Amino acid sequence: MADPAALYDEADRLKTDGDLEGAAAKLEAALAADESYALAHSALAVVRQKLGQHEEAIEHAKRVTELEPNDAFSFTALSVTYQRAYAGTGDTGYIQQAEDAMARSRQIEAGG
């Protein structure tokens, strides 16, 4: 079985080198080995966003919030993913989703 952390590290190197497709493939492999690897979902959201694959990016960012429902940063990252999807597509539907995710982040930070 592949080591998800090693695959993540390889993906990080590929991303740094500008090989976003290669990084995405390594992150997908990491998730095939461990679907609950939140860090790989988070990184894949970023890579997919950079590739202009906004819906895929959102799905991975959402998965992080499912895996870590009490982590305010995960919801902040989801909000940013929605904001970038809006910027990349002009679809105003993403604006409310970004605001909702940020509101959830603030609620978690406030202890609720």
C-alpha atoms as a PDB file:
ATOM      1  CA  MET A   1       0.000   0.000   0.000  1.00  0.00           C
ATOM      2  CA  ALA A   2       1.249   3.452  -0.884  1.00  0.00           C
ATOM      3  CA  ASP A   3       2.253   5.813   1.912  1.00  0.00           C
ATOM      4  CA  PRO A   4      -0.137   8.792   1.778  1.00  0.00           C
ATOM      5  CA  ALA A   5       2.313  11.105   3.564  1.00  0.00           C
ATOM      6  CA  ALA A   6       5.093  10.243   1.111  1.00  0.00           C
ATOM      7  CA  LEU A   7       2.737  10.834  -1.820  1.00  0.00           C
ATOM      8  CA  TYR A   8       1.725  14.166  -0.296  1.00  0.00           C
ATOM      9  CA  ASP A   9       5.393  15.155  -0.021  1.00  0.00           C
ATOM     10  CA  GLU A  10       5.974  14.197  -3.659  1.00  0.00           C
ATOM     11  CA  ALA A  11       2.926  16.237  -4.669  1.00  0.00           C
ATOM     12  CA  ASP A  12       4.233  19.223  -2.735  1.00  0.00           C
ATOM     13  CA  ARG A  13       7.555  19.025  -4.606  1.00  0.00           C
ATOM     14  CA  LEU A  14       5.774  18.750  -7.951  1.00  0.00           C
ATOM     15  CA  LYS A  15       3.560  21.732  -7.116  1.00  0.00           C
ATOM     16  CA  THR A  16       6.629  23.776  -6.157  1.00  0.00           C
ATOM     17  CA  ASP A  17       8.222  22.804  -9.485  1.00  0.00           C
ATOM     18  CA  GLY A  18       5.109  23.986 -11.334  1.00  0.00           C
ATOM     19  CA  ASP A  19       3.817  20.537 -12.296  1.00  0.00           C
ATOM     20  CA  LEU A  20       0.232  20.968 -11.125  1.00  0.00           C
ATOM     21  CA  GLU A  21      -1.100  17.970 -13.060  1.00  0.00           C
ATOM     22  CA  GLY A  22       1.587  15.753 -11.542  1.00  0.00           C
ATOM     23  CA  ALA A  23       0.837  17.125  -8.085  1.00  0.00           C
ATOM     24  CA  ALA A  24      -2.864  16.427  -8.560  1.00  0.00           C
ATOM     25  CA  ALA A  25      -2.122  12.843  -9.591  1.00  0.00           C
ATOM     26  CA  LYS A  26       0.029  12.259  -6.487  1.00  0.00           C
ATOM     27  CA  LEU A  27      -2.635  13.759  -4.243  1.00  0.00           C
ATOM     28  CA  GLU A  28      -5.307  11.574  -5.842  1.00  0.00           C
ATOM     29  CA  ALA A  29      -3.062   8.580  -5.176  1.00  0.00           C
ATOM     30  CA  ALA A  30      -2.660   9.661  -1.551  1.00  0.00           C
ATOM     31  CA  LEU A  31      -6.440   9.845  -1.230  1.00  0.00           C
ATOM     32  CA  ALA A  32      -6.842   6.449  -2.865  1.00  0.00           C
ATOM     33  CA  ALA A  33      -4.632   5.096  -0.076  1.00  0.00           C
ATOM     34  CA  ASP A  34      -6.409   7.084   2.657  1.00  0.00           C
ATOM     35  CA  GLU A  35      -9.606   8.876   1.702  1.00  0.00           C
ATOM     36  CA  SER A  36      -9.741  10.569   5.104  1.00  0.00           C
ATOM     37  CA  TYR A  37      -6.379  12.331   4.677  1.00  0.00           C
ATOM     38  CA  ALA A  38      -7.615  15.897   5.207  1.00  0.00           C
ATOM     39  CA  LEU A  39      -4.299  17.529   4.329  1.00  0.00           C
ATOM     40  CA  ALA A  40      -4.330  15.865   0.896  1.00  0.00           C
ATOM     41  CA  HIS A  41      -7.905  17.048   0.294  1.00  0.00           C
ATOM     42  CA  SER A  42      -6.873  20.567   1.278  1.00  0.00           C
ATOM     43  CA  ALA A  43      -3.852  20.542  -1.014  1.00  0.00           C
ATOM     44  CA  LEU A  44      -5.885  19.070  -3.853  1.00  0.00           C
ATOM     45  CA  ALA A  45      -8.424  21.870  -3.459  1.00  0.00           C
ATOM     46  CA  VAL A  46      -5.614  24.382  -3.981  1.00  0.00           C
ATOM     47  CA  VAL A  47      -4.140  22.533  -6.957  1.00  0.00           C
ATOM     48  CA  ARG A  48      -7.514  22.026  -8.635  1.00  0.00           C
ATOM     49  CA  GLN A  49      -8.276  25.717  -8.125  1.00  0.00           C
ATOM     50  CA  LYS A  50      -4.982  26.688  -9.781  1.00  0.00           C
ATOM     51  CA  LEU A  51      -5.913  24.423 -12.688  1.00  0.00           C
ATOM     52  CA  GLY A  52      -9.247  26.229 -13.058  1.00  0.00           C
ATOM     53  CA  GLN A  53     -11.170  23.156 -11.897  1.00  0.00           C
ATOM     54  CA  HIS A  54     -13.347  25.062  -9.473  1.00  0.00           C
ATOM     55  CA  GLU A  55     -16.053  22.484  -8.786  1.00  0.00           C
ATOM     56  CA  GLU A  56     -13.448  19.813  -8.030  1.00  0.00           C
ATOM     57  CA  ALA A  57     -11.623  22.259  -5.759  1.00  0.00           C
ATOM     58  CA  ILE A  58     -14.824  22.994  -3.878  1.00  0.00           C
ATOM     59  CA  GLU A  59     -15.590  19.296  -3.406  1.00  0.00           C
ATOM     60  CA  HIS A  60     -12.188  18.716  -1.810  1.00  0.00           C
ATOM     61  CA  ALA A  61     -12.459  21.818   0.377  1.00  0.00           C
ATOM     62  CA  LYS A  62     -15.915  20.661   1.505  1.00  0.00           C
ATOM     63  CA  ARG A  63     -14.512  17.229   2.321  1.00  0.00           C
ATOM     64  CA  VAL A  64     -11.974  18.846   4.650  1.00  0.00           C
ATOM     65  CA  THR A  65     -14.815  20.504   6.576  1.00  0.00           C
ATOM     66  CA  GLU A  66     -16.545  17.126   6.857  1.00  0.00           C
ATOM     67  CA  LEU A  67     -13.377  15.486   8.160  1.00  0.00           C
ATOM     68  CA  GLU A  68     -12.585  18.381  10.522  1.00  0.00           C
ATOM     69  CA  PRO A  69     -15.982  19.928  11.362  1.00  0.00           C
ATOM     70  CA  ASN A  70     -14.678  21.841  14.388  1.00  0.00           C
ATOM     71  CA  ASP A  71     -11.694  23.431  12.656  1.00  0.00           C
ATOM     72  CA  ALA A  72     -12.409  27.079  11.890  1.00  0.00           C
ATOM     73  CA  PHE A  73      -9.530  27.276   9.408  1.00  0.00           C
ATOM     74  CA  SER A  74     -11.109  24.543   7.258  1.00  0.00           C
ATOM     75  CA  PHE A  75     -14.205  26.698   6.816  1.00  0.00           C
ATOM     76  CA  THR A  76     -12.078  29.774   6.115  1.00  0.00           C
ATOM     77  CA  ALA A  77     -10.266  27.795   3.423  1.00  0.00           C
ATOM     78  CA  LEU A  78     -13.617  26.681   1.990  1.00  0.00           C
ATOM     79  CA  SER A  79     -14.716  30.320   1.890  1.00  0.00           C
ATOM     80  CA  VAL A  80     -11.552  31.275   0.011  1.00  0.00           C
ATOM     81  CA  THR A  81     -12.145  28.405  -2.420  1.00  0.00           C
ATOM     82  CA  TYR A  82     -15.645  29.727  -3.133  1.00  0.00           C
ATOM     83  CA  GLN A  83     -14.270  33.256  -3.541  1.00  0.00           C
ATOM     84  CA  ARG A  84     -11.694  32.063  -6.055  1.00  0.00           C
ATOM     85  CA  ALA A  85     -14.357  30.081  -7.897  1.00  0.00           C
ATOM     86  CA  TYR A  86     -16.380  33.296  -8.179  1.00  0.00           C
ATOM     87  CA  ALA A  87     -13.310  35.190  -9.385  1.00  0.00           C
ATOM     88  CA  GLY A  88     -12.568  32.479 -11.944  1.00  0.00           C
ATOM     89  CA  THR A  89     -16.085  32.033 -13.253  1.00  0.00           C
ATOM     90  CA  GLY A  90     -18.064  35.161 -12.429  1.00  0.00           C
ATOM     91  CA  ASP A  91     -20.802  32.911 -11.001  1.00  0.00           C
ATOM     92  CA  THR A  92     -22.378  35.019  -8.264  1.00  0.00           C
ATOM     93  CA  GLY A  93     -23.826  31.879  -6.649  1.00  0.00           C
ATOM     94  CA  TYR A  94     -20.450  31.323  -5.058  1.00  0.00           C
ATOM     95  CA  ILE A  95     -20.636  34.590  -3.111  1.00  0.00           C
ATOM     96  CA  GLN A  96     -23.302  33.441  -0.645  1.00  0.00           C
ATOM     97  CA  GLN A  97     -21.566  30.105  -0.195  1.00  0.00           C
ATOM     98  CA  ALA A  98     -18.320  31.931   0.620  1.00  0.00           C
ATOM     99  CA  GLU A  99     -20.124  34.083   3.151  1.00  0.00           C
ATOM    100  CA  ASP A 100     -21.829  31.059   4.722  1.00  0.00           C
ATOM    101  CA  ALA A 101     -18.522  29.218   5.092  1.00  0.00           C
ATOM    102  CA  MET A 102     -16.894  32.284   6.668  1.00  0.00           C
ATOM    103  CA  ALA A 103     -19.830  32.660   9.060  1.00  0.00           C
ATOM    104  CA  ARG A 104     -19.360  29.040  10.133  1.00  0.00           C
ATOM    105  CA  SER A 105     -15.648  29.700  10.696  1.00  0.00           C
ATOM    106  CA  ARG A 106     -16.450  32.653  12.935  1.00  0.00           C
ATOM    107  CA  GLN A 107     -19.055  30.646  14.814  1.00  0.00           C
ATOM    108  CA  ILE A 108     -16.503  27.916  15.541  1.00  0.00           C
ATOM    109  CA  GLU A 109     -13.943  30.492  16.667  1.00  0.00           C
ATOM    110  CA  ALA A 110     -16.540  31.981  19.036  1.00  0.00           C
ATOM    111  CA  GLY A 111     -17.065  28.560  20.589  1.00  0.00           C
ATOM    112  CA  GLY A 112     -20.272  27.633  18.908  1.00  0.00           C
END
